[in-house]
Amino acid sequence: MPALDALAQAGHEIVAAYTQPDRPAGRGRGLTASAVKQRALERQLVVEQPASLKTTQALARLREFAADIMIVVAYGLLLPVAVLETPRLGCINIHASLLPRWRGAAPIQRAILAGDAQTGITIMQMDAGLDTGPVLLTRSTPIAADETSAALHDRLSALGATAIVEAVVGLAAGTLAPQPQPASGVTYAAKIDKSEALVDWRQPATRIAALVRAFNPWPVAQTSLAGQTLRIWSASTTPSGKTQAPAGQVVHAADGELIVATGDGELRLTAVQLPGRRVTSAADFLHAWRGSDLAGQRLGS
């Protein structure tokens, strides 16, 4: 959506906005328009929502717009070669990594999980491969030690919006030359599976802290506590580092702090959530917890 706003504000004529069909959402499961559709309608743009771009009807409709260029941001559907070849200047993708590192569906989460120090935006010319097209320009940014996927996503969206305006101008003027991606350094950002969010307390505290950040806001790191699912929204490692307690054991549950032993070091849980409850701070969670002191209990067992 920031890219749509930036292109419109830069004075480019947007002949149509393509987004996926409305999906059921919320408790009532009523059909809900995507944020892109809502913003496009606010701007009085033509909105197209084909279930597939592989049909002759969808391709014919796309060709009617006679667009010079198509900008693609996390569209979620494969673009056939016929679609890629339709705009005069081709299809340009805003990808949330420094290609060829983290090609694929979940580059932001994978970068945080891997402990990458930096990431960025790649503006690339799309081809038939998975994020394999030539690079037009890149913009890098450091990943903060406490940054979640949600926060990094928002920063990269803004960075990508600025970069795409620059790229469109350069392409139109013929001053931006696509460069092939290097053959070395290729990694793949596989789609996130919910099962990955289950915390393995045998892992080091630094690894679990990265998992918590990577899976905020979805699917959210989780463990079990006294037969209930405990979702962990934020956590950090402790300065003390080492502990003799078994992995998953609560080593401190007082003074507003909830600290758990891991396979290497300790993890301080700072925001958690029980089923049917709101996200709370560790201090509020400890205050509301029924029963005896949590210290000594095991998570994930």
C-alpha atoms as a PDB file:
ATOM      1  CA  MET A   1       0.000   0.000   0.000  1.00  0.00           C
ATOM      2  CA  PRO A   2       2.817   2.507   0.648  1.00  0.00           C
ATOM      3  CA  ALA A   3       4.030   1.825  -2.897  1.00  0.00           C
ATOM      4  CA  LEU A   4       0.578   2.588  -4.315  1.00  0.00           C
ATOM      5  CA  ASP A   5       0.445   5.853  -2.384  1.00  0.00           C
ATOM      6  CA  ALA A   6       3.982   6.830  -3.372  1.00  0.00           C
ATOM      7  CA  LEU A   7       3.399   6.226  -7.078  1.00  0.00           C
ATOM      8  CA  ALA A   8       0.138   8.169  -7.014  1.00  0.00           C
ATOM      9  CA  GLN A   9       1.694  11.049  -5.103  1.00  0.00           C
ATOM     10  CA  ALA A  10       4.579  11.140  -7.603  1.00  0.00           C
ATOM     11  CA  GLY A  11       2.053  11.864 -10.349  1.00  0.00           C
ATOM     12  CA  HIS A  12       2.094   8.529 -12.160  1.00  0.00           C
ATOM     13  CA  GLU A  13      -1.154   7.456 -13.792  1.00  0.00           C
ATOM     14  CA  ILE A  14      -2.329   4.215 -12.191  1.00  0.00           C
ATOM     15  CA  VAL A  15      -4.657   2.585 -14.721  1.00  0.00           C
ATOM     16  CA  ALA A  16      -5.689  -0.289 -12.430  1.00  0.00           C
ATOM     17  CA  ALA A  17      -4.957  -1.942  -9.097  1.00  0.00           C
ATOM     18  CA  TYR A  18      -4.899  -5.736  -9.021  1.00  0.00           C
ATOM     19  CA  THR A  19      -5.490  -7.542  -5.740  1.00  0.00           C
ATOM     20  CA  GLN A  20      -6.750 -10.953  -4.701  1.00  0.00           C
ATOM     21  CA  PRO A  21     -10.497 -11.633  -4.311  1.00  0.00           C
ATOM     22  CA  ASP A  22     -12.197 -10.616  -1.062  1.00  0.00           C
ATOM     23  CA  ARG A  23     -11.667 -13.234   1.670  1.00  0.00           C
ATOM     24  CA  PRO A  24     -13.688 -14.262   4.753  1.00  0.00           C
ATOM     25  CA  ALA A  25     -12.314 -12.550   7.854  1.00  0.00           C
ATOM     26  CA  GLY A  26     -13.262 -11.754  11.442  1.00  0.00           C
ATOM     27  CA  ARG A  27     -15.552 -13.658  13.763  1.00  0.00           C
ATOM     28  CA  GLY A  28     -18.471 -13.385  11.371  1.00  0.00           C
ATOM     29  CA  ARG A  29     -16.293 -14.676   8.487  1.00  0.00           C
ATOM     30  CA  GLY A  30     -17.795 -12.066   6.190  1.00  0.00           C
ATOM     31  CA  LEU A  31     -16.046 -11.215   2.934  1.00  0.00           C
ATOM     32  CA  THR A  32     -13.456  -8.497   3.537  1.00  0.00           C
ATOM     33  CA  ALA A  33     -11.596  -6.412   0.987  1.00  0.00           C
ATOM     34  CA  SER A  34      -7.809  -6.253   1.124  1.00  0.00           C
ATOM     35  CA  ALA A  35      -6.125  -3.082   2.341  1.00  0.00           C
ATOM     36  CA  VAL A  36      -4.929  -2.494  -1.230  1.00  0.00           C
ATOM     37  CA  LYS A  37      -8.473  -2.640  -2.574  1.00  0.00           C
ATOM     38  CA  GLN A  38      -9.725  -0.269   0.101  1.00  0.00           C
ATOM     39  CA  ARG A  39      -6.984   2.275  -0.623  1.00  0.00           C
ATOM     40  CA  ALA A  40      -7.443   1.932  -4.396  1.00  0.00           C
ATOM     41  CA  LEU A  41     -11.167   2.612  -4.081  1.00  0.00           C
ATOM     42  CA  GLU A  42     -10.421   5.647  -1.915  1.00  0.00           C
ATOM     43  CA  ARG A  43      -8.293   6.902  -4.788  1.00  0.00           C
ATOM     44  CA  GLN A  44     -11.092   6.063  -7.243  1.00  0.00           C
ATOM     45  CA  LEU A  45      -8.940   3.583  -9.133  1.00  0.00           C
ATOM     46  CA  VAL A  46     -10.150   0.655 -11.203  1.00  0.00           C
ATOM     47  CA  VAL A  47      -9.830  -2.519  -9.106  1.00  0.00           C
ATOM     48  CA  GLU A  48      -9.408  -5.979 -10.632  1.00  0.00           C
ATOM     49  CA  GLN A  49      -9.644  -9.169  -8.550  1.00  0.00           C
ATOM     50  CA  PRO A  50      -9.240 -12.211 -10.805  1.00  0.00           C
ATOM     51  CA  ALA A  51      -8.988 -15.573  -9.032  1.00  0.00           C
ATOM     52  CA  SER A  52      -6.260 -16.466 -11.531  1.00  0.00           C
ATOM     53  CA  LEU A  53      -4.185 -14.669 -14.134  1.00  0.00           C
ATOM     54  CA  LYS A  54      -3.864 -17.796 -16.250  1.00  0.00           C
ATOM     55  CA  THR A  55      -7.205 -17.510 -18.039  1.00  0.00           C
ATOM     56  CA  THR A  56      -7.612 -15.960 -21.473  1.00  0.00           C
ATOM     57  CA  GLN A  57     -10.220 -13.597 -20.026  1.00  0.00           C
ATOM     58  CA  ALA A  58      -7.856 -12.304 -17.330  1.00  0.00           C
ATOM     59  CA  LEU A  59      -5.045 -11.798 -19.852  1.00  0.00           C
ATOM     60  CA  ALA A  60      -7.333 -10.017 -22.309  1.00  0.00           C
ATOM     61  CA  ARG A  61      -8.538  -7.687 -19.567  1.00  0.00           C
ATOM     62  CA  LEU A  62      -4.970  -6.897 -18.525  1.00  0.00           C
ATOM     63  CA  ARG A  63      -4.022  -6.056 -22.097  1.00  0.00           C
ATOM     64  CA  GLU A  64      -6.933  -3.630 -22.352  1.00  0.00           C
ATOM     65  CA  PHE A  65      -5.197  -1.326 -19.874  1.00  0.00           C
ATOM     66  CA  ALA A  66      -2.133  -1.006 -22.161  1.00  0.00           C
ATOM     67  CA  ALA A  67       0.054  -0.298 -19.134  1.00  0.00           C
ATOM     68  CA  ASP A  68       3.670   0.742 -19.548  1.00  0.00           C
ATOM     69  CA  ILE A  69       4.735  -1.098 -16.413  1.00  0.00           C
ATOM     70  CA  MET A  70       3.280  -3.365 -13.746  1.00  0.00           C
ATOM     71  CA  ILE A  71       4.442  -3.060 -10.118  1.00  0.00           C
ATOM     72  CA  VAL A  72       4.100  -6.248  -8.051  1.00  0.00           C
ATOM     73  CA  VAL A  73       4.191  -6.322  -4.239  1.00  0.00           C
ATOM     74  CA  ALA A  74       3.415  -9.594  -2.414  1.00  0.00           C
ATOM     75  CA  TYR A  75       0.597 -10.363  -4.843  1.00  0.00           C
ATOM     76  CA  GLY A  76       0.375 -14.017  -3.803  1.00  0.00           C
ATOM     77  CA  LEU A  77      -0.409 -15.458  -7.257  1.00  0.00           C
ATOM     78  CA  LEU A  78       1.983 -16.747  -9.897  1.00  0.00           C
ATOM     79  CA  LEU A  79       2.313 -14.510 -12.935  1.00  0.00           C
ATOM     80  CA  PRO A  80       2.403 -16.444 -16.210  1.00  0.00           C
ATOM     81  CA  VAL A  81       5.019 -15.477 -18.791  1.00  0.00           C
ATOM     82  CA  ALA A  82       2.256 -13.968 -20.957  1.00  0.00           C
ATOM     83  CA  VAL A  83       1.437 -11.569 -18.119  1.00  0.00           C
ATOM     84  CA  LEU A  84       5.102 -10.702 -17.532  1.00  0.00           C
ATOM     85  CA  GLU A  85       5.432  -9.768 -21.185  1.00  0.00           C
ATOM     86  CA  THR A  86       2.267  -7.654 -21.401  1.00  0.00           C
ATOM     87  CA  PRO A  87       3.443  -4.251 -20.040  1.00  0.00           C
ATOM     88  CA  ARG A  88       5.794  -2.328 -22.328  1.00  0.00           C
ATOM     89  CA  LEU A  89       8.496  -2.096 -19.641  1.00  0.00           C
ATOM     90  CA  GLY A  90       7.706  -5.438 -18.040  1.00  0.00           C
ATOM     91  CA  CYS A  91       6.731  -6.384 -14.497  1.00  0.00           C
ATOM     92  CA  ILE A  92       8.754  -4.981 -11.601  1.00  0.00           C
ATOM     93  CA  ASN A  93       8.773  -6.589  -8.151  1.00  0.00           C
ATOM     94  CA  ILE A  94       9.484  -4.958  -4.803  1.00  0.00           C
ATOM     95  CA  HIS A  95      11.143  -7.748  -2.820  1.00  0.00           C
ATOM     96  CA  ALA A  96      11.873  -7.488   0.907  1.00  0.00           C
ATOM     97  CA  SER A  97      15.453  -8.754   0.922  1.00  0.00           C
ATOM     98  CA  LEU A  98      18.822  -8.135  -0.682  1.00  0.00           C
ATOM     99  CA  LEU A  99      18.637 -10.686  -3.486  1.00  0.00           C
ATOM    100  CA  PRO A 100      19.813 -13.332  -4.070  1.00  0.00           C
ATOM    101  CA  ARG A 101      19.586 -13.841  -0.307  1.00  0.00           C
ATOM    102  CA  TRP A 102      16.095 -14.899   0.786  1.00  0.00           C
ATOM    103  CA  ARG A 103      14.274 -15.546  -2.431  1.00  0.00           C
ATOM    104  CA  GLY A 104      10.731 -16.703  -1.751  1.00  0.00           C
ATOM    105  CA  ALA A 105       7.678 -16.141   0.393  1.00  0.00           C
ATOM    106  CA  ALA A 106       8.972 -15.144   3.842  1.00  0.00           C
ATOM    107  CA  PRO A 107      12.180 -13.096   3.507  1.00  0.00           C
ATOM    108  CA  ILE A 108      11.543 -10.878   6.528  1.00  0.00           C
ATOM    109  CA  GLN A 109      10.916 -13.724   8.967  1.00  0.00           C
ATOM    110  CA  ARG A 110      13.802 -15.811   7.631  1.00  0.00           C
ATOM    111  CA  ALA A 111      16.244 -12.924   7.915  1.00  0.00           C
ATOM    112  CA  ILE A 112      15.359 -12.407  11.581  1.00  0.00           C
ATOM    113  CA  LEU A 113      15.434 -16.134  12.330  1.00  0.00           C
ATOM    114  CA  ALA A 114      18.876 -16.410  10.774  1.00  0.00           C
ATOM    115  CA  GLY A 115      20.192 -13.524  12.851  1.00  0.00           C
ATOM    116  CA  ASP A 116      21.028 -11.388   9.804  1.00  0.00           C
ATOM    117  CA  ALA A 117      22.526  -8.037  10.703  1.00  0.00           C
ATOM    118  CA  GLN A 118      21.002  -6.312   7.697  1.00  0.00           C
ATOM    119  CA  THR A 119      18.381  -6.699   5.017  1.00  0.00           C
ATOM    120  CA  GLY A 120      16.779  -4.343   2.551  1.00  0.00           C
ATOM    121  CA  ILE A 121      14.730  -3.905  -0.595  1.00  0.00           C
ATOM    122  CA  THR A 122      15.454  -5.175  -4.072  1.00  0.00           C
ATOM    123  CA  ILE A 123      13.646  -3.723  -7.067  1.00  0.00           C
ATOM    124  CA  MET A 124      13.866  -6.452  -9.699  1.00  0.00           C
ATOM    125  CA  GLN A 125      12.656  -7.171 -13.210  1.00  0.00           C
ATOM    126  CA  MET A 126      10.457 -10.247 -12.953  1.00  0.00           C
ATOM    127  CA  ASP A 127      11.044 -13.388 -14.993  1.00  0.00           C
ATOM    128  CA  ALA A 128       9.607 -16.912 -14.892  1.00  0.00           C
ATOM    129  CA  GLY A 129      11.777 -17.971 -11.934  1.00  0.00           C
ATOM    130  CA  LEU A 130      11.238 -17.507  -8.197  1.00  0.00           C
ATOM    131  CA  ASP A 131      12.730 -14.066  -7.521  1.00  0.00           C
ATOM    132  CA  THR A 132      15.503 -14.782 -10.033  1.00  0.00           C
ATOM    133  CA  GLY A 133      15.113 -11.742 -12.275  1.00  0.00           C
ATOM    134  CA  PRO A 134      17.752  -9.053 -12.846  1.00  0.00           C
ATOM    135  CA  VAL A 135      18.175  -6.339 -10.221  1.00  0.00           C
ATOM    136  CA  LEU A 136      17.365  -2.721 -10.962  1.00  0.00           C
ATOM    137  CA  LEU A 137      18.353  -1.223  -7.610  1.00  0.00           C
ATOM    138  CA  THR A 138      18.745  -2.123  -3.940  1.00  0.00           C
ATOM    139  CA  ARG A 139      18.410  -0.272  -0.654  1.00  0.00           C
ATOM    140  CA  SER A 140      19.855  -1.793   2.537  1.00  0.00           C
ATOM    141  CA  THR A 141      18.969  -1.258   6.185  1.00  0.00           C
ATOM    142  CA  PRO A 142      20.211  -2.756   9.485  1.00  0.00           C
ATOM    143  CA  ILE A 143      17.971  -5.079  11.484  1.00  0.00           C
ATOM    144  CA  ALA A 144      17.662  -3.833  15.062  1.00  0.00           C
ATOM    145  CA  ALA A 145      18.392  -6.323  17.842  1.00  0.00           C
ATOM    146  CA  ASP A 146      14.829  -6.053  19.172  1.00  0.00           C
ATOM    147  CA  GLU A 147      13.004  -5.650  15.843  1.00  0.00           C
ATOM    148  CA  THR A 148       9.949  -7.787  15.115  1.00  0.00           C
ATOM    149  CA  SER A 149       8.740  -8.898  11.710  1.00  0.00           C
ATOM    150  CA  ALA A 150       5.866  -6.447  12.016  1.00  0.00           C
ATOM    151  CA  ALA A 151       8.166  -3.481  12.640  1.00  0.00           C
ATOM    152  CA  LEU A 152      10.657  -4.509   9.964  1.00  0.00           C
ATOM    153  CA  HIS A 153       7.858  -5.070   7.452  1.00  0.00           C
ATOM    154  CA  ASP A 154       6.629  -1.513   7.961  1.00  0.00           C
ATOM    155  CA  ARG A 155      10.121  -0.043   7.575  1.00  0.00           C
ATOM    156  CA  LEU A 156      10.797  -2.038   4.430  1.00  0.00           C
ATOM    157  CA  SER A 157       7.418  -1.055   2.986  1.00  0.00           C
ATOM    158  CA  ALA A 158       8.347   2.605   3.325  1.00  0.00           C
ATOM    159  CA  LEU A 159      11.824   1.966   1.918  1.00  0.00           C
ATOM    160  CA  GLY A 160      10.356   0.050  -1.015  1.00  0.00           C
ATOM    161  CA  ALA A 161       7.863   2.816  -1.759  1.00  0.00           C
ATOM    162  CA  THR A 162      10.666   5.348  -2.139  1.00  0.00           C
ATOM    163  CA  ALA A 163      12.786   2.959  -4.190  1.00  0.00           C
ATOM    164  CA  ILE A 164      10.022   2.010  -6.638  1.00  0.00           C
ATOM    165  CA  VAL A 165       9.364   5.654  -7.535  1.00  0.00           C
ATOM    166  CA  GLU A 166      13.060   6.071  -8.307  1.00  0.00           C
ATOM    167  CA  ALA A 167      13.094   2.847 -10.336  1.00  0.00           C
ATOM    168  CA  VAL A 168      10.069   3.798 -12.449  1.00  0.00           C
ATOM    169  CA  VAL A 169      11.639   7.139 -13.334  1.00  0.00           C
ATOM    170  CA  GLY A 170      14.924   5.443 -14.234  1.00  0.00           C
ATOM    171  CA  LEU A 171      13.254   2.795 -16.378  1.00  0.00           C
ATOM    172  CA  ALA A 172      11.169   5.334 -18.263  1.00  0.00           C
ATOM    173  CA  ALA A 173      14.241   7.462 -18.921  1.00  0.00           C
ATOM    174  CA  GLY A 174      16.378   4.477 -19.907  1.00  0.00           C
ATOM    175  CA  THR A 175      18.978   5.308 -17.248  1.00  0.00           C
ATOM    176  CA  LEU A 176      18.441   2.205 -15.110  1.00  0.00           C
ATOM    177  CA  ALA A 177      20.051  -0.972 -16.456  1.00  0.00           C
ATOM    178  CA  PRO A 178      19.038  -4.372 -15.031  1.00  0.00           C
ATOM    179  CA  GLN A 179      21.935  -6.386 -13.598  1.00  0.00           C
ATOM    180  CA  PRO A 180      21.884 -10.219 -13.313  1.00  0.00           C
ATOM    181  CA  GLN A 181      21.832 -11.585  -9.794  1.00  0.00           C
ATOM    182  CA  PRO A 182      25.106 -13.180  -8.647  1.00  0.00           C
ATOM    183  CA  ALA A 183      25.206 -16.963  -8.739  1.00  0.00           C
ATOM    184  CA  SER A 184      26.613 -17.170  -5.190  1.00  0.00           C
ATOM    185  CA  GLY A 185      24.816 -16.347  -1.956  1.00  0.00           C
ATOM    186  CA  VAL A 186      21.426 -17.735  -2.966  1.00  0.00           C
ATOM    187  CA  THR A 187      19.123 -18.694  -0.067  1.00  0.00           C
ATOM    188  CA  TYR A 188      15.413 -19.498  -0.009  1.00  0.00           C
ATOM    189  CA  ALA A 189      12.815 -18.076   2.351  1.00  0.00           C
ATOM    190  CA  ALA A 190      10.283 -20.894   2.588  1.00  0.00           C
ATOM    191  CA  LYS A 191       6.713 -20.094   3.547  1.00  0.00           C
ATOM    192  CA  ILE A 192       6.190 -20.046   7.323  1.00  0.00           C
ATOM    193  CA  ASP A 193       4.437 -23.079   8.785  1.00  0.00           C
ATOM    194  CA  LYS A 194       2.542 -22.752  12.069  1.00  0.00           C
ATOM    195  CA  SER A 195       4.431 -25.710  13.491  1.00  0.00           C
ATOM    196  CA  GLU A 196       7.627 -23.640  13.429  1.00  0.00           C
ATOM    197  CA  ALA A 197       6.201 -21.358  16.127  1.00  0.00           C
ATOM    198  CA  LEU A 198       6.415 -24.051  18.818  1.00  0.00           C
ATOM    199  CA  VAL A 199       9.317 -23.146  21.104  1.00  0.00           C
ATOM    200  CA  ASP A 200      12.008 -25.764  21.658  1.00  0.00           C
ATOM    201  CA  TRP A 201      13.471 -24.728  24.982  1.00  0.00           C
ATOM    202  CA  ARG A 202      16.595 -26.797  24.309  1.00  0.00           C
ATOM    203  CA  GLN A 203      17.620 -24.141  21.794  1.00  0.00           C
ATOM    204  CA  PRO A 204      19.846 -21.222  22.931  1.00  0.00           C
ATOM    205  CA  ALA A 205      18.119 -18.171  24.365  1.00  0.00           C
ATOM    206  CA  THR A 206      19.358 -16.033  21.468  1.00  0.00           C
ATOM    207  CA  ARG A 207      17.745 -18.392  18.954  1.00  0.00           C
ATOM    208  CA  ILE A 208      14.408 -18.437  20.814  1.00  0.00           C
ATOM    209  CA  ALA A 209      14.413 -14.648  21.148  1.00  0.00           C
ATOM    210  CA  ALA A 210      14.897 -14.392  17.381  1.00  0.00           C
ATOM    211  CA  LEU A 211      12.022 -16.828  16.826  1.00  0.00           C
ATOM    212  CA  VAL A 212       9.742 -14.713  19.022  1.00  0.00           C
ATOM    213  CA  ARG A 213      10.600 -11.583  17.035  1.00  0.00           C
ATOM    214  CA  ALA A 214      10.322 -13.320  13.677  1.00  0.00           C
ATOM    215  CA  PHE A 215       6.862 -14.727  14.405  1.00  0.00           C
ATOM    216  CA  ASN A 216       5.345 -11.488  15.684  1.00  0.00           C
ATOM    217  CA  PRO A 217       2.626 -10.827  14.478  1.00  0.00           C
ATOM    218  CA  TRP A 218       2.107 -14.301  12.938  1.00  0.00           C
ATOM    219  CA  PRO A 219       1.991 -17.147  13.803  1.00  0.00           C
ATOM    220  CA  VAL A 220       3.316 -16.039  17.251  1.00  0.00           C
ATOM    221  CA  ALA A 221       5.747 -18.168  19.255  1.00  0.00           C
ATOM    222  CA  GLN A 222       4.021 -20.545  21.620  1.00  0.00           C
ATOM    223  CA  THR A 223       4.654 -23.080  24.338  1.00  0.00           C
ATOM    224  CA  SER A 224       2.591 -24.962  26.913  1.00  0.00           C
ATOM    225  CA  LEU A 225       2.127 -24.064  30.560  1.00  0.00           C
ATOM    226  CA  ALA A 226       0.089 -26.209  32.957  1.00  0.00           C
ATOM    227  CA  GLY A 227      -1.869 -27.717  30.076  1.00  0.00           C
ATOM    228  CA  GLN A 228      -2.582 -24.393  28.393  1.00  0.00           C
ATOM    229  CA  THR A 229      -1.081 -22.792  25.309  1.00  0.00           C
ATOM    230  CA  LEU A 230       0.998 -19.757  26.183  1.00  0.00           C
ATOM    231  CA  ARG A 231       1.752 -17.404  23.294  1.00  0.00           C
ATOM    232  CA  ILE A 232       4.933 -15.366  23.619  1.00  0.00           C
ATOM    233  CA  TRP A 233       4.715 -11.967  21.933  1.00  0.00           C
ATOM    234  CA  SER A 234       7.998 -10.512  23.103  1.00  0.00           C
ATOM    235  CA  ALA A 235      11.069 -11.740  24.940  1.00  0.00           C
ATOM    236  CA  SER A 236      14.735 -10.945  25.422  1.00  0.00           C
ATOM    237  CA  THR A 237      17.873 -12.662  26.632  1.00  0.00           C
ATOM    238  CA  THR A 238      19.123 -11.907  30.131  1.00  0.00           C
ATOM    239  CA  PRO A 239      22.549 -10.442  30.918  1.00  0.00           C
ATOM    240  CA  SER A 240      23.310 -13.276  33.369  1.00  0.00           C
ATOM    241  CA  GLY A 241      23.458 -15.746  30.510  1.00  0.00           C
ATOM    242  CA  LYS A 242      24.204 -19.136  32.075  1.00  0.00           C
ATOM    243  CA  THR A 243      21.858 -21.243  34.179  1.00  0.00           C
ATOM    244  CA  GLN A 244      21.980 -24.710  35.735  1.00  0.00           C
ATOM    245  CA  ALA A 245      18.212 -25.248  35.494  1.00  0.00           C
ATOM    246  CA  PRO A 246      16.798 -27.656  32.900  1.00  0.00           C
ATOM    247  CA  ALA A 247      15.581 -26.155  29.630  1.00  0.00           C
ATOM    248  CA  GLY A 248      12.041 -24.799  29.880  1.00  0.00           C
ATOM    249  CA  GLN A 249      12.026 -24.372  33.650  1.00  0.00           C
ATOM    250  CA  VAL A 250      10.822 -21.071  35.087  1.00  0.00           C
ATOM    251  CA  VAL A 251      13.787 -19.828  37.121  1.00  0.00           C
ATOM    252  CA  HIS A 252      12.286 -16.526  38.236  1.00  0.00           C
ATOM    253  CA  ALA A 253       8.668 -15.425  38.547  1.00  0.00           C
ATOM    254  CA  ALA A 254       8.603 -12.397  40.829  1.00  0.00           C
ATOM    255  CA  ASP A 255       9.051  -8.628  40.851  1.00  0.00           C
ATOM    256  CA  GLY A 256       7.298  -8.399  37.487  1.00  0.00           C
ATOM    257  CA  GLU A 257       9.807 -10.676  35.748  1.00  0.00           C
ATOM    258  CA  LEU A 258       9.222 -14.075  34.155  1.00  0.00           C
ATOM    259  CA  ILE A 259      12.505 -15.775  33.254  1.00  0.00           C
ATOM    260  CA  VAL A 260      12.897 -19.223  31.718  1.00  0.00           C
ATOM    261  CA  ALA A 261      15.944 -21.458  31.331  1.00  0.00           C
ATOM    262  CA  THR A 262      16.927 -22.515  27.825  1.00  0.00           C
ATOM    263  CA  GLY A 263      19.507 -24.858  26.339  1.00  0.00           C
ATOM    264  CA  ASP A 264      22.019 -22.034  26.595  1.00  0.00           C
ATOM    265  CA  GLY A 265      21.201 -19.020  28.738  1.00  0.00           C
ATOM    266  CA  GLU A 266      17.957 -17.556  30.040  1.00  0.00           C
ATOM    267  CA  LEU A 267      15.032 -15.890  28.304  1.00  0.00           C
ATOM    268  CA  ARG A 268      12.968 -13.086  29.830  1.00  0.00           C
ATOM    269  CA  LEU A 269       9.336 -13.211  28.661  1.00  0.00           C
ATOM    270  CA  THR A 270       7.941  -9.681  28.514  1.00  0.00           C
ATOM    271  CA  ALA A 271       4.534 -10.039  26.791  1.00  0.00           C
ATOM    272  CA  VAL A 272       2.444 -13.223  26.828  1.00  0.00           C
ATOM    273  CA  GLN A 273      -1.096 -14.403  26.151  1.00  0.00           C
ATOM    274  CA  LEU A 274      -3.290 -17.257  27.324  1.00  0.00           C
ATOM    275  CA  PRO A 275      -6.195 -18.619  25.206  1.00  0.00           C
ATOM    276  CA  GLY A 276      -9.166 -16.261  25.182  1.00  0.00           C
ATOM    277  CA  ARG A 277      -7.201 -13.555  27.006  1.00  0.00           C
ATOM    278  CA  ARG A 278      -5.567 -10.338  25.934  1.00  0.00           C
ATOM    279  CA  VAL A 279      -1.847  -9.889  25.495  1.00  0.00           C
ATOM    280  CA  THR A 280      -0.410  -8.827  28.849  1.00  0.00           C
ATOM    281  CA  SER A 281       2.919  -7.795  30.271  1.00  0.00           C
ATOM    282  CA  ALA A 282       4.805 -10.360  32.309  1.00  0.00           C
ATOM    283  CA  ALA A 283       4.050  -8.341  35.442  1.00  0.00           C
ATOM    284  CA  ASP A 284       0.284  -8.418  34.807  1.00  0.00           C
ATOM    285  CA  PHE A 285       0.434 -12.084  33.869  1.00  0.00           C
ATOM    286  CA  LEU A 286       2.157 -12.989  37.119  1.00  0.00           C
ATOM    287  CA  HIS A 287      -0.314 -10.909  39.104  1.00  0.00           C
ATOM    288  CA  ALA A 288      -3.297 -12.670  37.529  1.00  0.00           C
ATOM    289  CA  TRP A 289      -1.901 -16.209  37.484  1.00  0.00           C
ATOM    290  CA  ARG A 290      -3.974 -18.504  39.657  1.00  0.00           C
ATOM    291  CA  GLY A 291      -2.309 -21.030  41.921  1.00  0.00           C
ATOM    292  CA  SER A 292       1.151 -21.198  43.379  1.00  0.00           C
ATOM    293  CA  ASP A 293       4.281 -19.434  42.294  1.00  0.00           C
ATOM    294  CA  LEU A 294       5.320 -20.260  38.736  1.00  0.00           C
ATOM    295  CA  ALA A 295       8.962 -20.662  39.707  1.00  0.00           C
ATOM    296  CA  GLY A 296      10.071 -24.229  39.123  1.00  0.00           C
ATOM    297  CA  GLN A 297       7.344 -25.102  36.634  1.00  0.00           C
ATOM    298  CA  ARG A 298       8.327 -26.355  33.185  1.00  0.00           C
ATOM    299  CA  LEU A 299       7.189 -24.811  29.935  1.00  0.00           C
ATOM    300  CA  GLY A 300       6.661 -26.993  26.925  1.00  0.00           C
ATOM    301  CA  SER A 301       6.378 -30.236  28.884  1.00  0.00           C
END
